[in-house]
Amino acid sequence: MRVKVNLGILVSGSGSNLQSIIDNIENGRLDAEIKVVISNNTDAFALERARKHHIPSFVMQNQDYISREDFDRKMIDVLKSYSVELVVMAGFMRILGSLFLDAFPMKIMNIHPALLPSFPGMHAQKKAAEYGVRFSGCTVHFTDAGVDSGPIIIQAIVPAYTDDTEDTLAARILKEEHRIYPQAIQFYAEDRIEVTGRQVHIRGTDRVQAPPLHNPPLITF
């Protein structure tokens, strides 16, 4: 019998990764149930996505809480009241404090639009485009006390071009975000993830059998 993992999704913006997770659940590819969506932004379009699919949602604005601990404590209470097992950050623009991290140890996932450990933090696509990288991508990782520094679960690579802008590179990366985030959650749902130090082992997966990539492509060598 396939067991569904209970998810709590944290959002701040449009919620395209939330939509990808919803779509994969509804088409039977992801063994999960979204129990609740929490946003710290009243205008987040992600809230409309939640309403459309009849998912309970809460708004918790930063300014309504005296301290980070008060905010985190309330969020913990809401998530636990819905029996959330895995917390999924989907564009949640707020750093989680130690109180929250301790409440869900290695049970918080985040997605970052770069190949970590390169370009952590805000505006990763802009940084990558301006730096002139030949490849970029996205990373799903467990959340720890650092900034985009937790153990890496899965990554996807996309080419980057000399005429890329932040927006063109971001659009290419976003397509892969929508593919790897549901996969990372499914690994968790199937109890295939084991974390040892910084290494995340996914039981039952093979080594990648792909040729090296070159950008620009090799011509004479």
N, C-alpha and C. Protein backbone atom coordinates (compact mmCIF):
# COMPACT_ATOMS: atom_id res chain seq x y z
N MET A 1 0.84 -1.20 0.00
CA MET A 1 0.00 0.00 0.00
C MET A 1 0.88 1.25 0.00
N ARG A 2 0.60 2.17 -0.91
CA ARG A 2 1.38 3.41 -0.99
C ARG A 2 0.88 4.37 0.08
N VAL A 3 1.84 4.90 0.84
CA VAL A 3 1.52 5.82 1.93
C VAL A 3 1.82 7.24 1.49
N LYS A 4 0.88 8.14 1.73
CA LYS A 4 1.06 9.54 1.36
C LYS A 4 1.72 10.31 2.50
N VAL A 5 2.70 11.14 2.17
CA VAL A 5 3.35 11.98 3.16
C VAL A 5 2.58 13.30 3.26
N ASN A 6 2.38 13.77 4.48
CA ASN A 6 1.64 15.02 4.71
C ASN A 6 2.58 16.21 4.56
N LEU A 7 2.23 17.12 3.67
CA LEU A 7 3.07 18.28 3.37
C LEU A 7 2.48 19.56 3.94
N GLY A 8 3.37 20.45 4.39
CA GLY A 8 3.03 21.83 4.67
C GLY A 8 3.88 22.69 3.76
N ILE A 9 3.26 23.52 2.93
CA ILE A 9 3.99 24.31 1.93
C ILE A 9 4.07 25.76 2.39
N LEU A 10 5.29 26.31 2.40
CA LEU A 10 5.52 27.70 2.78
C LEU A 10 5.79 28.51 1.52
N VAL A 11 5.05 29.60 1.33
CA VAL A 11 5.11 30.38 0.09
C VAL A 11 5.16 31.87 0.39
N SER A 12 5.64 32.63 -0.60
CA SER A 12 5.60 34.08 -0.50
C SER A 12 5.18 34.74 -1.81
N GLY A 13 5.25 33.99 -2.92
CA GLY A 13 5.03 34.62 -4.22
C GLY A 13 4.01 33.91 -5.09
N SER A 14 4.38 33.70 -6.36
CA SER A 14 3.43 33.20 -7.35
C SER A 14 3.03 31.75 -7.11
N GLY A 15 3.93 30.96 -6.55
CA GLY A 15 3.58 29.58 -6.22
C GLY A 15 3.63 28.62 -7.39
N SER A 16 4.52 28.85 -8.36
CA SER A 16 4.57 27.93 -9.50
C SER A 16 5.08 26.55 -9.06
N ASN A 17 6.00 26.50 -8.09
CA ASN A 17 6.42 25.19 -7.59
C ASN A 17 5.31 24.52 -6.78
N LEU A 18 4.53 25.31 -6.07
CA LEU A 18 3.34 24.76 -5.40
C LEU A 18 2.43 24.12 -6.43
N GLN A 19 2.20 24.81 -7.55
CA GLN A 19 1.33 24.28 -8.59
C GLN A 19 1.88 22.98 -9.16
N SER A 20 3.18 22.92 -9.36
CA SER A 20 3.80 21.70 -9.87
C SER A 20 3.58 20.53 -8.91
N ILE A 21 3.71 20.79 -7.63
CA ILE A 21 3.48 19.75 -6.63
C ILE A 21 2.02 19.30 -6.65
N ILE A 22 1.10 20.27 -6.71
CA ILE A 22 -0.33 19.95 -6.79
C ILE A 22 -0.61 19.09 -8.01
N ASP A 23 -0.08 19.49 -9.16
CA ASP A 23 -0.35 18.76 -10.40
C ASP A 23 0.17 17.33 -10.32
N ASN A 24 1.35 17.15 -9.75
CA ASN A 24 1.92 15.80 -9.66
C ASN A 24 1.16 14.93 -8.67
N ILE A 25 0.62 15.53 -7.63
CA ILE A 25 -0.24 14.77 -6.71
C ILE A 25 -1.52 14.35 -7.41
N GLU A 26 -2.13 15.28 -8.13
CA GLU A 26 -3.42 14.99 -8.76
C GLU A 26 -3.31 13.99 -9.90
N ASN A 27 -2.13 13.93 -10.57
CA ASN A 27 -2.01 12.95 -11.65
C ASN A 27 -1.41 11.63 -11.17
N GLY A 28 -1.23 11.49 -9.86
CA GLY A 28 -0.82 10.21 -9.28
C GLY A 28 0.66 9.92 -9.29
N ARG A 29 1.48 10.89 -9.65
CA ARG A 29 2.93 10.65 -9.68
C ARG A 29 3.60 10.93 -8.34
N LEU A 30 2.91 11.64 -7.45
CA LEU A 30 3.50 12.03 -6.17
C LEU A 30 2.62 11.55 -5.03
N ASP A 31 3.20 10.71 -4.17
CA ASP A 31 2.45 10.15 -3.04
C ASP A 31 2.49 11.12 -1.86
N ALA A 32 1.70 12.14 -1.94
CA ALA A 32 1.70 13.18 -0.91
C ALA A 32 0.33 13.84 -0.86
N GLU A 33 0.08 14.51 0.25
CA GLU A 33 -1.12 15.32 0.41
C GLU A 33 -0.72 16.65 1.03
N ILE A 34 -1.11 17.73 0.39
CA ILE A 34 -0.82 19.05 0.94
C ILE A 34 -1.88 19.35 2.00
N LYS A 35 -1.47 19.39 3.24
CA LYS A 35 -2.41 19.59 4.34
C LYS A 35 -2.69 21.07 4.58
N VAL A 36 -1.68 21.92 4.31
CA VAL A 36 -1.86 23.34 4.58
C VAL A 36 -0.80 24.14 3.82
N VAL A 37 -1.18 25.34 3.41
CA VAL A 37 -0.26 26.30 2.79
C VAL A 37 -0.19 27.53 3.69
N ILE A 38 1.04 27.97 3.97
CA ILE A 38 1.25 29.16 4.81
C ILE A 38 2.04 30.19 4.01
N SER A 39 1.55 31.44 4.03
CA SER A 39 2.24 32.52 3.33
C SER A 39 2.47 33.69 4.28
N ASN A 40 3.60 34.37 4.10
CA ASN A 40 3.85 35.60 4.85
C ASN A 40 3.56 36.83 3.99
N ASN A 41 2.82 36.62 2.89
CA ASN A 41 2.49 37.71 1.98
C ASN A 41 1.02 37.58 1.59
N THR A 42 0.23 38.58 1.97
CA THR A 42 -1.22 38.54 1.69
C THR A 42 -1.52 38.54 0.20
N ASP A 43 -0.60 39.06 -0.62
CA ASP A 43 -0.83 39.17 -2.06
C ASP A 43 -0.25 38.01 -2.85
N ALA A 44 0.27 37.01 -2.19
CA ALA A 44 0.88 35.88 -2.89
C ALA A 44 -0.16 35.16 -3.74
N PHE A 45 0.13 35.01 -5.03
CA PHE A 45 -0.79 34.29 -5.91
C PHE A 45 -0.87 32.82 -5.53
N ALA A 46 0.13 32.33 -4.82
CA ALA A 46 0.10 30.95 -4.34
C ALA A 46 -1.14 30.68 -3.49
N LEU A 47 -1.62 31.69 -2.78
CA LEU A 47 -2.82 31.52 -1.96
C LEU A 47 -4.05 31.24 -2.83
N GLU A 48 -4.11 31.89 -3.99
CA GLU A 48 -5.20 31.64 -4.92
C GLU A 48 -5.12 30.21 -5.47
N ARG A 49 -3.90 29.75 -5.73
CA ARG A 49 -3.74 28.37 -6.19
C ARG A 49 -4.25 27.40 -5.13
N ALA A 50 -3.93 27.67 -3.87
CA ALA A 50 -4.40 26.81 -2.78
C ALA A 50 -5.92 26.81 -2.70
N ARG A 51 -6.52 27.99 -2.79
CA ARG A 51 -7.98 28.08 -2.72
C ARG A 51 -8.64 27.31 -3.86
N LYS A 52 -8.07 27.43 -5.05
CA LYS A 52 -8.63 26.76 -6.23
C LYS A 52 -8.68 25.25 -6.03
N HIS A 53 -7.71 24.72 -5.28
CA HIS A 53 -7.64 23.28 -5.08
C HIS A 53 -8.13 22.87 -3.69
N HIS A 54 -8.81 23.80 -3.03
CA HIS A 54 -9.47 23.52 -1.73
C HIS A 54 -8.46 23.07 -0.67
N ILE A 55 -7.30 23.72 -0.66
CA ILE A 55 -6.26 23.43 0.33
C ILE A 55 -6.32 24.52 1.40
N PRO A 56 -6.40 24.16 2.67
CA PRO A 56 -6.41 25.18 3.73
C PRO A 56 -5.17 26.07 3.65
N SER A 57 -5.35 27.36 3.88
CA SER A 57 -4.22 28.29 3.81
C SER A 57 -4.30 29.31 4.93
N PHE A 58 -3.12 29.78 5.32
CA PHE A 58 -3.00 30.78 6.37
C PHE A 58 -2.05 31.87 5.91
N VAL A 59 -2.33 33.11 6.33
CA VAL A 59 -1.42 34.22 6.10
C VAL A 59 -0.85 34.65 7.44
N MET A 60 0.47 34.71 7.51
CA MET A 60 1.15 35.16 8.72
C MET A 60 2.13 36.26 8.32
N GLN A 61 1.76 37.50 8.54
CA GLN A 61 2.62 38.61 8.15
C GLN A 61 3.70 38.86 9.21
N ASN A 62 4.88 39.12 8.71
CA ASN A 62 6.04 39.28 9.60
C ASN A 62 5.80 40.33 10.67
N GLN A 63 5.18 41.43 10.29
CA GLN A 63 5.04 42.57 11.20
C GLN A 63 4.03 42.31 12.32
N ASP A 64 3.29 41.25 12.23
CA ASP A 64 2.29 40.95 13.27
C ASP A 64 2.88 40.20 14.45
N TYR A 65 4.18 39.94 14.39
CA TYR A 65 4.82 39.16 15.46
C TYR A 65 5.99 39.95 16.03
N ILE A 66 6.11 39.93 17.34
CA ILE A 66 7.14 40.72 18.02
C ILE A 66 8.54 40.23 17.69
N SER A 67 8.70 38.92 17.57
CA SER A 67 10.02 38.35 17.35
C SER A 67 9.96 37.21 16.35
N ARG A 68 11.12 36.83 15.84
CA ARG A 68 11.22 35.69 14.95
C ARG A 68 10.71 34.42 15.65
N GLU A 69 11.04 34.32 16.94
CA GLU A 69 10.62 33.13 17.69
C GLU A 69 9.10 33.03 17.78
N ASP A 70 8.42 34.18 17.99
CA ASP A 70 6.97 34.18 18.04
C ASP A 70 6.37 33.75 16.71
N PHE A 71 6.94 34.26 15.63
CA PHE A 71 6.48 33.89 14.29
C PHE A 71 6.66 32.39 14.07
N ASP A 72 7.87 31.91 14.36
CA ASP A 72 8.17 30.49 14.13
C ASP A 72 7.31 29.59 15.02
N ARG A 73 7.09 30.01 16.25
CA ARG A 73 6.29 29.21 17.17
C ARG A 73 4.86 29.04 16.64
N LYS A 74 4.29 30.13 16.13
CA LYS A 74 2.94 30.07 15.58
C LYS A 74 2.90 29.17 14.35
N MET A 75 3.91 29.29 13.50
CA MET A 75 3.95 28.48 12.29
C MET A 75 4.09 26.99 12.65
N ILE A 76 4.90 26.69 13.64
CA ILE A 76 5.03 25.31 14.11
C ILE A 76 3.69 24.78 14.59
N ASP A 77 2.99 25.59 15.37
CA ASP A 77 1.69 25.18 15.89
C ASP A 77 0.71 24.84 14.77
N VAL A 78 0.68 25.70 13.74
CA VAL A 78 -0.24 25.47 12.63
C VAL A 78 0.13 24.18 11.89
N LEU A 79 1.41 24.00 11.58
CA LEU A 79 1.84 22.83 10.84
C LEU A 79 1.57 21.54 11.62
N LYS A 80 1.86 21.56 12.90
CA LYS A 80 1.64 20.36 13.71
C LYS A 80 0.15 20.08 13.88
N SER A 81 -0.69 21.12 13.90
CA SER A 81 -2.13 20.90 14.01
C SER A 81 -2.68 20.18 12.78
N TYR A 82 -1.96 20.27 11.65
CA TYR A 82 -2.36 19.58 10.43
C TYR A 82 -1.55 18.29 10.21
N SER A 83 -0.82 17.87 11.23
CA SER A 83 -0.04 16.62 11.17
C SER A 83 0.95 16.62 10.01
N VAL A 84 1.59 17.75 9.79
CA VAL A 84 2.57 17.87 8.70
C VAL A 84 3.83 17.08 9.04
N GLU A 85 4.28 16.28 8.09
CA GLU A 85 5.49 15.48 8.27
C GLU A 85 6.69 16.10 7.58
N LEU A 86 6.46 16.73 6.43
CA LEU A 86 7.54 17.34 5.65
C LEU A 86 7.15 18.77 5.31
N VAL A 87 8.03 19.71 5.64
CA VAL A 87 7.81 21.12 5.32
C VAL A 87 8.52 21.43 4.01
N VAL A 88 7.81 22.04 3.09
CA VAL A 88 8.34 22.32 1.75
C VAL A 88 8.33 23.83 1.53
N MET A 89 9.50 24.41 1.40
CA MET A 89 9.61 25.84 1.13
C MET A 89 9.58 26.04 -0.38
N ALA A 90 8.57 26.77 -0.84
CA ALA A 90 8.38 26.99 -2.27
C ALA A 90 8.35 28.49 -2.53
N GLY A 91 9.53 29.10 -2.51
CA GLY A 91 9.61 30.54 -2.68
C GLY A 91 9.23 31.29 -1.42
N PHE A 92 9.57 30.74 -0.27
CA PHE A 92 9.26 31.37 1.01
C PHE A 92 10.39 32.33 1.36
N MET A 93 10.10 33.62 1.34
CA MET A 93 11.13 34.65 1.48
C MET A 93 11.30 35.06 2.94
N ARG A 94 11.74 34.11 3.72
CA ARG A 94 12.01 34.38 5.12
C ARG A 94 12.96 33.30 5.63
N ILE A 95 13.96 33.73 6.40
CA ILE A 95 14.90 32.78 6.98
C ILE A 95 14.28 32.15 8.22
N LEU A 96 14.37 30.85 8.30
CA LEU A 96 13.80 30.12 9.44
C LEU A 96 14.79 30.12 10.60
N GLY A 97 14.28 30.32 11.81
CA GLY A 97 15.12 30.34 12.99
C GLY A 97 15.35 28.96 13.56
N SER A 98 16.22 28.89 14.57
CA SER A 98 16.60 27.61 15.16
C SER A 98 15.41 26.90 15.80
N LEU A 99 14.46 27.66 16.35
CA LEU A 99 13.28 27.06 16.95
C LEU A 99 12.52 26.21 15.93
N PHE A 100 12.36 26.77 14.73
CA PHE A 100 11.64 26.06 13.68
C PHE A 100 12.45 24.88 13.17
N LEU A 101 13.74 25.08 12.95
CA LEU A 101 14.59 24.01 12.45
C LEU A 101 14.62 22.83 13.41
N ASP A 102 14.64 23.12 14.71
CA ASP A 102 14.66 22.05 15.71
C ASP A 102 13.34 21.29 15.76
N ALA A 103 12.26 21.95 15.38
CA ALA A 103 10.95 21.30 15.40
C ALA A 103 10.78 20.31 14.25
N PHE A 104 11.53 20.54 13.14
CA PHE A 104 11.43 19.66 11.98
C PHE A 104 12.84 19.30 11.48
N PRO A 105 13.60 18.57 12.27
CA PRO A 105 15.00 18.27 11.89
C PRO A 105 15.08 17.40 10.63
N MET A 106 15.79 17.89 9.63
CA MET A 106 15.93 17.21 8.34
C MET A 106 14.56 16.84 7.75
N LYS A 107 13.59 17.68 8.03
CA LYS A 107 12.25 17.49 7.47
C LYS A 107 11.76 18.78 6.82
N ILE A 108 12.71 19.61 6.39
CA ILE A 108 12.39 20.85 5.69
C ILE A 108 13.18 20.86 4.40
N MET A 109 12.48 20.96 3.27
CA MET A 109 13.14 21.05 1.97
C MET A 109 13.01 22.45 1.41
N ASN A 110 14.02 22.82 0.62
CA ASN A 110 14.00 24.10 -0.07
C ASN A 110 14.51 23.89 -1.48
N ILE A 111 14.09 24.76 -2.40
CA ILE A 111 14.63 24.73 -3.76
C ILE A 111 15.29 26.06 -4.04
N HIS A 112 16.46 25.99 -4.69
CA HIS A 112 17.25 27.20 -4.98
C HIS A 112 17.60 27.22 -6.45
N PRO A 113 17.45 28.37 -7.12
CA PRO A 113 17.68 28.44 -8.56
C PRO A 113 19.14 28.63 -8.95
N ALA A 114 19.99 27.77 -8.47
CA ALA A 114 21.40 27.75 -8.82
C ALA A 114 21.96 26.39 -8.45
N LEU A 115 23.15 26.10 -8.94
CA LEU A 115 23.83 24.86 -8.60
C LEU A 115 24.66 25.11 -7.34
N LEU A 116 24.02 24.88 -6.20
CA LEU A 116 24.73 25.08 -4.94
C LEU A 116 25.95 24.16 -4.88
N PRO A 117 27.04 24.63 -4.24
CA PRO A 117 27.11 25.79 -3.36
C PRO A 117 27.36 27.13 -4.05
N SER A 118 27.29 27.18 -5.39
CA SER A 118 27.46 28.45 -6.09
C SER A 118 26.21 29.31 -5.95
N PHE A 119 26.42 30.61 -5.79
CA PHE A 119 25.36 31.62 -5.81
C PHE A 119 24.22 31.36 -4.83
N PRO A 120 24.54 31.23 -3.55
CA PRO A 120 23.46 31.14 -2.56
C PRO A 120 22.80 32.51 -2.37
N GLY A 121 21.66 32.53 -1.70
CA GLY A 121 21.01 33.79 -1.39
C GLY A 121 20.13 34.30 -2.52
N MET A 122 19.83 35.59 -2.43
CA MET A 122 18.90 36.23 -3.36
C MET A 122 19.53 36.44 -4.74
N HIS A 123 18.66 36.55 -5.75
CA HIS A 123 19.04 36.92 -7.12
C HIS A 123 20.11 35.99 -7.70
N ALA A 124 19.96 34.70 -7.46
CA ALA A 124 20.97 33.74 -7.91
C ALA A 124 21.10 33.72 -9.43
N GLN A 125 19.97 33.83 -10.15
CA GLN A 125 20.03 33.79 -11.61
C GLN A 125 20.77 35.01 -12.15
N LYS A 126 20.53 36.16 -11.55
CA LYS A 126 21.21 37.39 -11.96
C LYS A 126 22.72 37.27 -11.73
N LYS A 127 23.08 36.74 -10.57
CA LYS A 127 24.50 36.56 -10.25
C LYS A 127 25.17 35.62 -11.24
N ALA A 128 24.48 34.53 -11.56
CA ALA A 128 25.05 33.54 -12.48
C ALA A 128 25.22 34.13 -13.88
N ALA A 129 24.20 34.85 -14.35
CA ALA A 129 24.27 35.44 -15.69
C ALA A 129 25.39 36.47 -15.76
N GLU A 130 25.51 37.30 -14.74
CA GLU A 130 26.53 38.34 -14.74
C GLU A 130 27.93 37.76 -14.58
N TYR A 131 28.04 36.63 -13.90
CA TYR A 131 29.36 36.00 -13.70
C TYR A 131 29.87 35.36 -14.98
N GLY A 132 28.93 34.99 -15.86
CA GLY A 132 29.32 34.38 -17.12
C GLY A 132 29.47 32.87 -17.07
N VAL A 133 28.73 32.20 -16.18
CA VAL A 133 28.83 30.75 -16.12
C VAL A 133 28.33 30.13 -17.42
N ARG A 134 28.82 28.95 -17.74
CA ARG A 134 28.38 28.23 -18.93
C ARG A 134 27.24 27.26 -18.63
N PHE A 135 27.12 26.89 -17.36
CA PHE A 135 26.01 26.05 -16.92
C PHE A 135 25.45 26.61 -15.62
N SER A 136 24.15 26.50 -15.47
CA SER A 136 23.51 26.85 -14.21
C SER A 136 22.49 25.75 -13.92
N GLY A 137 21.54 26.03 -13.05
CA GLY A 137 20.55 25.01 -12.75
C GLY A 137 19.83 25.28 -11.46
N CYS A 138 19.39 24.22 -10.81
CA CYS A 138 18.65 24.36 -9.57
C CYS A 138 18.97 23.19 -8.65
N THR A 139 18.69 23.41 -7.36
CA THR A 139 19.06 22.46 -6.32
C THR A 139 17.94 22.33 -5.31
N VAL A 140 17.57 21.09 -5.00
CA VAL A 140 16.69 20.84 -3.86
C VAL A 140 17.59 20.34 -2.72
N HIS A 141 17.42 20.95 -1.57
CA HIS A 141 18.28 20.60 -0.43
C HIS A 141 17.48 20.64 0.86
N PHE A 142 17.99 19.97 1.87
CA PHE A 142 17.44 20.11 3.20
C PHE A 142 17.88 21.44 3.78
N THR A 143 17.03 22.04 4.58
CA THR A 143 17.30 23.35 5.15
C THR A 143 18.02 23.22 6.49
N ASP A 144 19.09 23.99 6.66
CA ASP A 144 19.77 24.05 7.94
C ASP A 144 19.90 25.51 8.35
N ALA A 145 20.76 25.80 9.32
CA ALA A 145 20.84 27.14 9.86
C ALA A 145 21.56 28.13 8.95
N GLY A 146 22.21 27.65 7.91
CA GLY A 146 22.90 28.54 6.98
C GLY A 146 21.97 29.02 5.87
N VAL A 147 22.55 29.78 4.94
CA VAL A 147 21.79 30.28 3.79
C VAL A 147 22.03 29.34 2.61
N ASP A 148 21.01 28.57 2.26
CA ASP A 148 21.09 27.63 1.14
C ASP A 148 22.30 26.70 1.29
N SER A 149 22.52 26.22 2.51
CA SER A 149 23.73 25.46 2.80
C SER A 149 23.49 24.02 3.23
N GLY A 150 22.23 23.57 3.25
CA GLY A 150 21.92 22.24 3.74
C GLY A 150 22.28 21.15 2.75
N PRO A 151 22.27 19.89 3.18
CA PRO A 151 22.63 18.76 2.33
C PRO A 151 21.79 18.70 1.06
N ILE A 152 22.46 18.43 -0.06
CA ILE A 152 21.84 18.47 -1.38
C ILE A 152 21.17 17.13 -1.70
N ILE A 153 19.91 17.21 -2.15
CA ILE A 153 19.13 16.02 -2.49
C ILE A 153 19.19 15.72 -3.98
N ILE A 154 18.94 16.71 -4.81
CA ILE A 154 18.91 16.53 -6.26
C ILE A 154 19.20 17.86 -6.94
N GLN A 155 19.87 17.79 -8.08
CA GLN A 155 20.17 18.99 -8.86
C GLN A 155 19.84 18.76 -10.32
N ALA A 156 19.56 19.84 -11.03
CA ALA A 156 19.35 19.80 -12.47
C ALA A 156 20.22 20.88 -13.11
N ILE A 157 20.74 20.57 -14.30
CA ILE A 157 21.66 21.47 -15.00
C ILE A 157 20.99 22.00 -16.27
N VAL A 158 21.19 23.29 -16.53
CA VAL A 158 20.76 23.89 -17.79
C VAL A 158 21.92 24.69 -18.35
N PRO A 159 21.99 24.85 -19.67
CA PRO A 159 23.04 25.69 -20.24
C PRO A 159 22.77 27.17 -19.96
N ALA A 160 23.84 27.92 -19.86
CA ALA A 160 23.74 29.39 -19.74
C ALA A 160 24.48 30.00 -20.91
N TYR A 161 23.93 31.08 -21.47
CA TYR A 161 24.48 31.66 -22.69
C TYR A 161 24.95 33.09 -22.43
N THR A 162 25.84 33.55 -23.28
CA THR A 162 26.44 34.87 -23.08
C THR A 162 25.41 35.99 -23.23
N ASP A 163 24.32 35.74 -23.93
CA ASP A 163 23.29 36.77 -24.08
C ASP A 163 22.14 36.59 -23.09
N ASP A 164 22.31 35.68 -22.13
CA ASP A 164 21.26 35.48 -21.13
C ASP A 164 21.10 36.71 -20.25
N THR A 165 19.87 36.99 -19.90
CA THR A 165 19.54 37.94 -18.85
C THR A 165 19.09 37.14 -17.63
N GLU A 166 18.87 37.84 -16.53
CA GLU A 166 18.34 37.18 -15.36
C GLU A 166 17.03 36.47 -15.69
N ASP A 167 16.17 37.11 -16.48
CA ASP A 167 14.86 36.54 -16.78
C ASP A 167 14.94 35.33 -17.69
N THR A 168 15.78 35.38 -18.73
CA THR A 168 15.85 34.24 -19.66
C THR A 168 16.46 33.03 -18.98
N LEU A 169 17.48 33.25 -18.18
CA LEU A 169 18.09 32.13 -17.46
C LEU A 169 17.12 31.58 -16.42
N ALA A 170 16.42 32.47 -15.72
CA ALA A 170 15.46 32.05 -14.70
C ALA A 170 14.36 31.19 -15.31
N ALA A 171 13.88 31.55 -16.49
CA ALA A 171 12.81 30.78 -17.14
C ALA A 171 13.27 29.38 -17.48
N ARG A 172 14.51 29.25 -17.93
CA ARG A 172 15.05 27.93 -18.27
C ARG A 172 15.21 27.07 -17.01
N ILE A 173 15.66 27.70 -15.95
CA ILE A 173 15.85 26.99 -14.68
C ILE A 173 14.51 26.57 -14.09
N LEU A 174 13.51 27.45 -14.17
CA LEU A 174 12.22 27.18 -13.53
C LEU A 174 11.57 25.90 -14.05
N LYS A 175 11.73 25.62 -15.35
CA LYS A 175 11.17 24.40 -15.91
C LYS A 175 11.73 23.17 -15.19
N GLU A 176 13.03 23.22 -14.86
CA GLU A 176 13.64 22.10 -14.17
C GLU A 176 13.26 22.06 -12.69
N GLU A 177 13.03 23.22 -12.09
CA GLU A 177 12.54 23.24 -10.71
C GLU A 177 11.25 22.44 -10.59
N HIS A 178 10.38 22.63 -11.57
CA HIS A 178 9.08 21.97 -11.54
C HIS A 178 9.19 20.46 -11.71
N ARG A 179 10.34 20.00 -12.19
CA ARG A 179 10.55 18.56 -12.36
C ARG A 179 11.23 17.95 -11.14
N ILE A 180 12.23 18.63 -10.60
CA ILE A 180 13.03 17.97 -9.55
C ILE A 180 12.42 18.09 -8.16
N TYR A 181 11.62 19.14 -7.92
CA TYR A 181 11.05 19.28 -6.57
C TYR A 181 10.07 18.15 -6.26
N PRO A 182 9.12 17.85 -7.15
CA PRO A 182 8.25 16.70 -6.88
C PRO A 182 9.03 15.39 -6.73
N GLN A 183 10.11 15.24 -7.51
CA GLN A 183 10.91 14.02 -7.40
C GLN A 183 11.56 13.91 -6.03
N ALA A 184 12.10 15.01 -5.53
CA ALA A 184 12.72 15.00 -4.21
C ALA A 184 11.71 14.62 -3.13
N ILE A 185 10.50 15.16 -3.25
CA ILE A 185 9.44 14.84 -2.27
C ILE A 185 9.05 13.37 -2.38
N GLN A 186 9.00 12.85 -3.61
CA GLN A 186 8.66 11.44 -3.80
C GLN A 186 9.73 10.53 -3.20
N PHE A 187 11.00 10.90 -3.34
CA PHE A 187 12.06 10.14 -2.67
C PHE A 187 11.78 10.06 -1.17
N TYR A 188 11.39 11.19 -0.59
CA TYR A 188 11.08 11.24 0.84
C TYR A 188 9.87 10.37 1.15
N ALA A 189 8.84 10.48 0.34
CA ALA A 189 7.61 9.71 0.57
C ALA A 189 7.87 8.21 0.54
N GLU A 190 8.81 7.79 -0.29
CA GLU A 190 9.15 6.38 -0.42
C GLU A 190 10.20 5.94 0.61
N ASP A 191 10.58 6.84 1.51
CA ASP A 191 11.55 6.54 2.56
C ASP A 191 12.87 6.05 1.97
N ARG A 192 13.30 6.71 0.92
CA ARG A 192 14.54 6.31 0.23
C ARG A 192 15.72 7.22 0.58
N ILE A 193 15.50 8.24 1.39
CA ILE A 193 16.54 9.22 1.69
C ILE A 193 17.23 8.88 2.99
N GLU A 194 18.56 8.89 2.95
CA GLU A 194 19.37 8.72 4.15
C GLU A 194 20.46 9.79 4.14
N VAL A 195 20.55 10.55 5.21
CA VAL A 195 21.52 11.66 5.30
C VAL A 195 22.66 11.27 6.23
N THR A 196 23.89 11.35 5.70
CA THR A 196 25.09 11.09 6.50
C THR A 196 26.01 12.29 6.34
N GLY A 197 26.07 13.13 7.38
CA GLY A 197 26.85 14.36 7.24
C GLY A 197 26.26 15.23 6.16
N ARG A 198 27.07 15.58 5.16
CA ARG A 198 26.58 16.38 4.04
C ARG A 198 26.06 15.51 2.90
N GLN A 199 26.25 14.21 2.99
CA GLN A 199 25.87 13.33 1.88
C GLN A 199 24.43 12.85 2.03
N VAL A 200 23.65 13.04 0.97
CA VAL A 200 22.29 12.51 0.92
C VAL A 200 22.31 11.29 0.00
N HIS A 201 22.04 10.13 0.56
CA HIS A 201 22.00 8.90 -0.21
C HIS A 201 20.55 8.58 -0.57
N ILE A 202 20.31 8.32 -1.86
CA ILE A 202 18.97 7.95 -2.32
C ILE A 202 19.00 6.47 -2.67
N ARG A 203 18.40 5.66 -1.84
CA ARG A 203 18.42 4.22 -2.06
C ARG A 203 17.68 3.86 -3.35
N GLY A 204 18.27 2.93 -4.10
CA GLY A 204 17.62 2.42 -5.30
C GLY A 204 17.80 3.26 -6.54
N THR A 205 18.70 4.24 -6.50
CA THR A 205 18.97 5.03 -7.70
C THR A 205 20.33 4.65 -8.26
N ASP A 206 20.45 4.71 -9.56
CA ASP A 206 21.69 4.35 -10.24
C ASP A 206 22.55 5.59 -10.46
N ARG A 207 23.82 5.33 -10.74
CA ARG A 207 24.70 6.44 -11.13
C ARG A 207 24.25 7.00 -12.47
N VAL A 208 24.41 8.30 -12.64
CA VAL A 208 24.02 8.94 -13.89
C VAL A 208 24.90 8.41 -15.02
N GLN A 209 24.26 7.89 -16.06
CA GLN A 209 24.98 7.39 -17.23
C GLN A 209 24.82 8.40 -18.37
N ALA A 210 25.47 9.53 -18.24
CA ALA A 210 25.35 10.59 -19.24
C ALA A 210 26.75 11.07 -19.62
N PRO A 211 26.93 11.44 -20.87
CA PRO A 211 28.25 11.95 -21.29
C PRO A 211 28.50 13.33 -20.70
N PRO A 212 29.76 13.73 -20.59
CA PRO A 212 30.07 15.08 -20.14
C PRO A 212 29.44 16.13 -21.05
N LEU A 213 29.09 17.28 -20.49
CA LEU A 213 28.52 18.37 -21.24
C LEU A 213 29.57 19.45 -21.46
N HIS A 214 29.50 20.10 -22.59
CA HIS A 214 30.44 21.19 -22.90
C HIS A 214 29.65 22.36 -23.46
N ASN A 215 29.94 23.54 -22.98
CA ASN A 215 29.29 24.75 -23.47
C ASN A 215 30.30 25.89 -23.50
N PRO A 216 30.70 26.35 -24.70
CA PRO A 216 30.24 25.92 -26.03
C PRO A 216 30.70 24.50 -26.37
N PRO A 217 30.06 23.87 -27.35
CA PRO A 217 30.39 22.49 -27.67
C PRO A 217 31.80 22.35 -28.25
N LEU A 218 32.39 21.17 -28.03
CA LEU A 218 33.70 20.90 -28.60
C LEU A 218 33.57 20.79 -30.12
N ILE A 219 34.60 21.26 -30.81
CA ILE A 219 34.57 21.22 -32.28
C ILE A 219 35.64 20.28 -32.83
N THR A 220 36.88 20.41 -32.36
CA THR A 220 37.97 19.66 -32.99
C THR A 220 38.68 18.73 -32.01
N PHE A 221 38.28 18.65 -30.76
CA PHE A 221 39.02 17.85 -29.78
C PHE A 221 38.22 16.63 -29.36
